[in-house]
Amino acid sequence: MKLHMILSIISILFILNLSACSKEEVKYNGEPLKIAVIGDLPELNNEKIHFESISLKELSEDTVQISTNYDAIMITPLMFEEASNDRFVEVYTSTKIPFIFFDSEKRNLPFTNGGLTYESARWESLKNGSHTTIYLSDINANREDAWYFYLNDKKELEVLYKEIFEKVEML
């Protein structure tokens, strides 16, 4: 009976250790960042990065509050089609916070241009080989900026995240 209990405890500890190690280790050492995520929350391990899930509805209803509370907004593939709806174009182009379109082969274009959706945007004309785009609009200066991040090997995902977070910190 004691042996069975000890084995059970060891098994539980092993599973907890395994799940704790399953998060991607990102070696970002900059200022702490708070990032709102629309879609799947990234599974990263870095005490300086805090992700919080929000909805597109929350974003469109209170962009001022969200811009104040977060350093960036990340949108993941799960939400690309809905997030590319024309009703959100003004949100992306008038909100003073960087948008991270994570793993968007079509860059920011289906999100920041009316008449396109992620699905309907032609792949060939948008392909530049980038994995992720950070988009920032300054409506007062009549200016839009986009930065592209590339992933050559899935094993380098932590490097990609580090580059993205360093850029967000600079903005």
Protein backbone atom coordinates (compact mmCIF):
# COMPACT_ATOMS: atom_id res chain seq x y z
CA MET A 1 0.00 0.00 0.00
CA LYS A 2 2.82 2.43 0.90
CA LEU A 3 4.70 1.51 -2.27
CA HIS A 4 1.59 2.19 -4.36
CA MET A 5 1.17 5.59 -2.71
CA ILE A 6 4.83 6.50 -3.21
CA LEU A 7 4.64 5.51 -6.88
CA SER A 8 1.50 7.60 -7.29
CA ILE A 9 3.19 10.64 -5.77
CA ILE A 10 6.26 10.16 -7.99
CA SER A 11 4.02 9.86 -11.04
CA ILE A 12 2.17 13.05 -10.18
CA LEU A 13 5.42 14.94 -9.61
CA PHE A 14 6.79 13.66 -12.92
CA ILE A 15 3.67 14.82 -14.78
CA LEU A 16 3.77 18.24 -13.12
CA ASN A 17 7.45 18.63 -13.98
CA LEU A 18 6.82 17.55 -17.56
CA SER A 19 3.97 20.04 -18.03
CA ALA A 20 6.05 22.84 -16.48
CA CYS A 21 8.85 22.13 -18.97
CA SER A 22 6.53 22.05 -21.98
CA LYS A 23 6.43 25.85 -22.24
CA GLU A 24 8.86 27.45 -24.66
CA GLU A 25 11.73 29.22 -22.86
CA VAL A 26 12.19 32.74 -24.25
CA LYS A 27 15.34 34.61 -23.27
CA TYR A 28 13.88 38.12 -23.32
CA ASN A 29 15.57 40.38 -20.73
CA GLY A 30 13.98 43.74 -21.46
CA GLU A 31 11.30 45.65 -19.59
CA PRO A 32 8.23 43.66 -18.46
CA LEU A 33 5.54 43.53 -21.14
CA LYS A 34 1.82 43.02 -20.84
CA ILE A 35 0.33 41.74 -24.09
CA ALA A 36 -3.36 41.33 -24.86
CA VAL A 37 -4.02 38.23 -26.97
CA ILE A 38 -6.93 37.66 -29.30
CA GLY A 39 -6.88 33.95 -30.07
CA ASP A 40 -4.66 31.25 -28.60
CA LEU A 41 -2.46 32.27 -25.68
CA PRO A 42 1.21 31.50 -26.40
CA GLU A 43 2.79 28.93 -24.13
CA LEU A 44 5.96 30.76 -23.16
CA ASN A 45 8.12 30.72 -20.10
CA ASN A 46 9.44 34.17 -19.21
CA GLU A 47 8.58 36.06 -16.05
CA LYS A 48 8.77 39.42 -17.86
CA ILE A 49 6.05 38.59 -20.40
CA HIS A 50 2.43 38.52 -19.28
CA PHE A 51 -0.33 37.51 -21.69
CA GLU A 52 -3.99 38.22 -21.10
CA SER A 53 -6.81 37.02 -23.29
CA ILE A 54 -9.25 39.60 -24.66
CA SER A 55 -11.95 39.44 -27.31
CA LEU A 56 -12.37 41.40 -30.53
CA LYS A 57 -15.52 42.86 -29.01
CA GLU A 58 -13.57 44.17 -26.01
CA LEU A 59 -10.95 45.63 -28.33
CA SER A 60 -13.47 47.44 -30.52
CA GLU A 61 -15.51 48.75 -27.58
CA ASP A 62 -12.68 50.21 -25.49
CA THR A 63 -9.49 50.84 -27.48
CA VAL A 64 -8.40 53.67 -25.17
CA GLN A 65 -8.50 51.48 -22.07
CA ILE A 66 -6.74 48.61 -23.85
CA SER A 67 -4.05 50.95 -25.23
CA THR A 68 -3.47 52.19 -21.69
CA ASN A 69 -3.33 48.75 -20.04
CA TYR A 70 -1.23 46.81 -22.57
CA ASP A 71 2.05 47.21 -24.45
CA ALA A 72 0.79 45.39 -27.55
CA ILE A 73 -2.07 43.33 -28.92
CA MET A 74 -1.31 39.92 -30.44
CA ILE A 75 -3.75 38.29 -32.85
CA THR A 76 -3.20 34.60 -33.59
CA PRO A 77 -4.33 32.44 -36.55
CA LEU A 78 -7.39 31.14 -34.72
CA MET A 79 -8.95 34.61 -35.03
CA PHE A 80 -7.55 35.84 -38.37
CA GLU A 81 -10.73 35.44 -40.41
CA GLU A 82 -12.95 37.23 -37.89
CA ALA A 83 -10.27 39.84 -37.08
CA SER A 84 -9.96 40.72 -40.79
CA ASN A 85 -13.59 41.83 -40.98
CA ASP A 86 -13.93 45.40 -42.28
CA ARG A 87 -15.54 46.58 -39.04
CA PHE A 88 -12.12 46.30 -37.30
CA VAL A 89 -10.01 48.19 -39.88
CA GLU A 90 -10.49 51.51 -38.09
CA VAL A 91 -9.53 49.91 -34.77
CA TYR A 92 -6.15 48.79 -36.18
CA THR A 93 -5.47 52.02 -38.05
CA SER A 94 -6.46 54.45 -35.29
CA THR A 95 -5.34 52.72 -32.08
CA LYS A 96 -2.00 53.87 -30.67
CA ILE A 97 -0.67 50.44 -29.78
CA PRO A 98 1.34 47.90 -31.77
CA PHE A 99 -0.60 44.98 -33.25
CA ILE A 100 1.25 41.68 -33.59
CA PHE A 101 -0.22 39.53 -36.35
CA PHE A 102 1.45 36.31 -35.22
CA ASP A 103 2.05 33.69 -37.91
CA SER A 104 0.27 35.73 -40.58
CA GLU A 105 1.58 34.79 -43.99
CA LYS A 106 -0.46 37.68 -45.39
CA ARG A 107 1.18 40.27 -43.13
CA ASN A 108 -1.12 43.01 -41.78
CA LEU A 109 -2.83 43.75 -45.11
CA PRO A 110 -6.11 41.80 -44.70
CA PHE A 111 -6.60 43.50 -41.32
CA THR A 112 -5.75 47.10 -42.18
CA ASN A 113 -7.37 47.36 -45.63
CA GLY A 114 -11.11 47.32 -46.24
CA GLY A 115 -12.59 44.88 -48.70
CA LEU A 116 -10.24 42.03 -47.80
CA THR A 117 -10.59 39.14 -45.42
CA TYR A 118 -7.82 36.81 -44.42
CA GLU A 119 -9.33 34.05 -46.50
CA SER A 120 -10.08 36.15 -49.59
CA ALA A 121 -6.77 38.05 -49.68
CA ARG A 122 -4.66 36.68 -52.52
CA TRP A 123 -1.69 34.77 -51.15
CA GLU A 124 0.64 35.36 -54.10
CA SER A 125 0.49 39.14 -53.91
CA LEU A 126 1.06 39.24 -50.16
CA LYS A 127 3.86 36.72 -49.80
CA ASN A 128 7.13 38.16 -48.53
CA GLY A 129 8.29 35.14 -46.53
CA SER A 130 7.65 36.70 -43.15
CA HIS A 131 6.17 34.78 -40.25
CA THR A 132 4.88 37.63 -38.10
CA THR A 133 4.16 41.33 -38.59
CA ILE A 134 4.02 44.15 -36.08
CA TYR A 135 1.82 47.00 -37.30
CA LEU A 136 1.59 50.45 -35.76
CA SER A 137 -0.42 53.38 -37.05
CA ASP A 138 0.00 57.03 -36.10
CA ILE A 139 -3.11 58.72 -37.43
CA ASN A 140 -1.94 62.18 -36.26
CA ALA A 141 1.25 61.92 -38.34
CA ASN A 142 -0.62 60.18 -41.18
CA ARG A 143 1.85 57.31 -40.93
CA GLU A 144 1.77 53.52 -40.82
CA ASP A 145 4.72 51.30 -39.97
CA ALA A 146 5.14 47.54 -40.29
CA TRP A 147 8.00 45.35 -39.16
CA TYR A 148 8.43 41.80 -40.45
CA PHE A 149 9.86 38.86 -38.55
CA TYR A 150 11.09 35.68 -40.17
CA LEU A 151 11.25 32.10 -38.94
CA ASN A 152 13.62 29.85 -40.86
CA ASP A 153 13.38 26.87 -38.56
CA LYS A 154 10.62 25.95 -36.09
CA LYS A 155 13.39 25.25 -33.58
CA GLU A 156 14.16 28.98 -33.56
CA LEU A 157 10.70 30.01 -32.33
CA GLU A 158 12.10 31.35 -29.05
CA VAL A 159 14.44 33.64 -31.03
CA LEU A 160 11.49 34.94 -33.04
CA TYR A 161 9.54 35.70 -29.86
CA LYS A 162 12.56 37.47 -28.36
CA GLU A 163 12.90 39.69 -31.45
CA ILE A 164 9.19 40.51 -31.38
CA PHE A 165 9.25 41.42 -27.68
CA GLU A 166 12.37 43.56 -28.11
CA LYS A 167 10.64 45.51 -30.91
CA VAL A 168 7.49 45.99 -28.83
CA GLU A 169 9.64 47.30 -25.99
CA MET A 170 11.22 49.87 -28.37
CA LEU A 171 7.85 51.08 -29.58
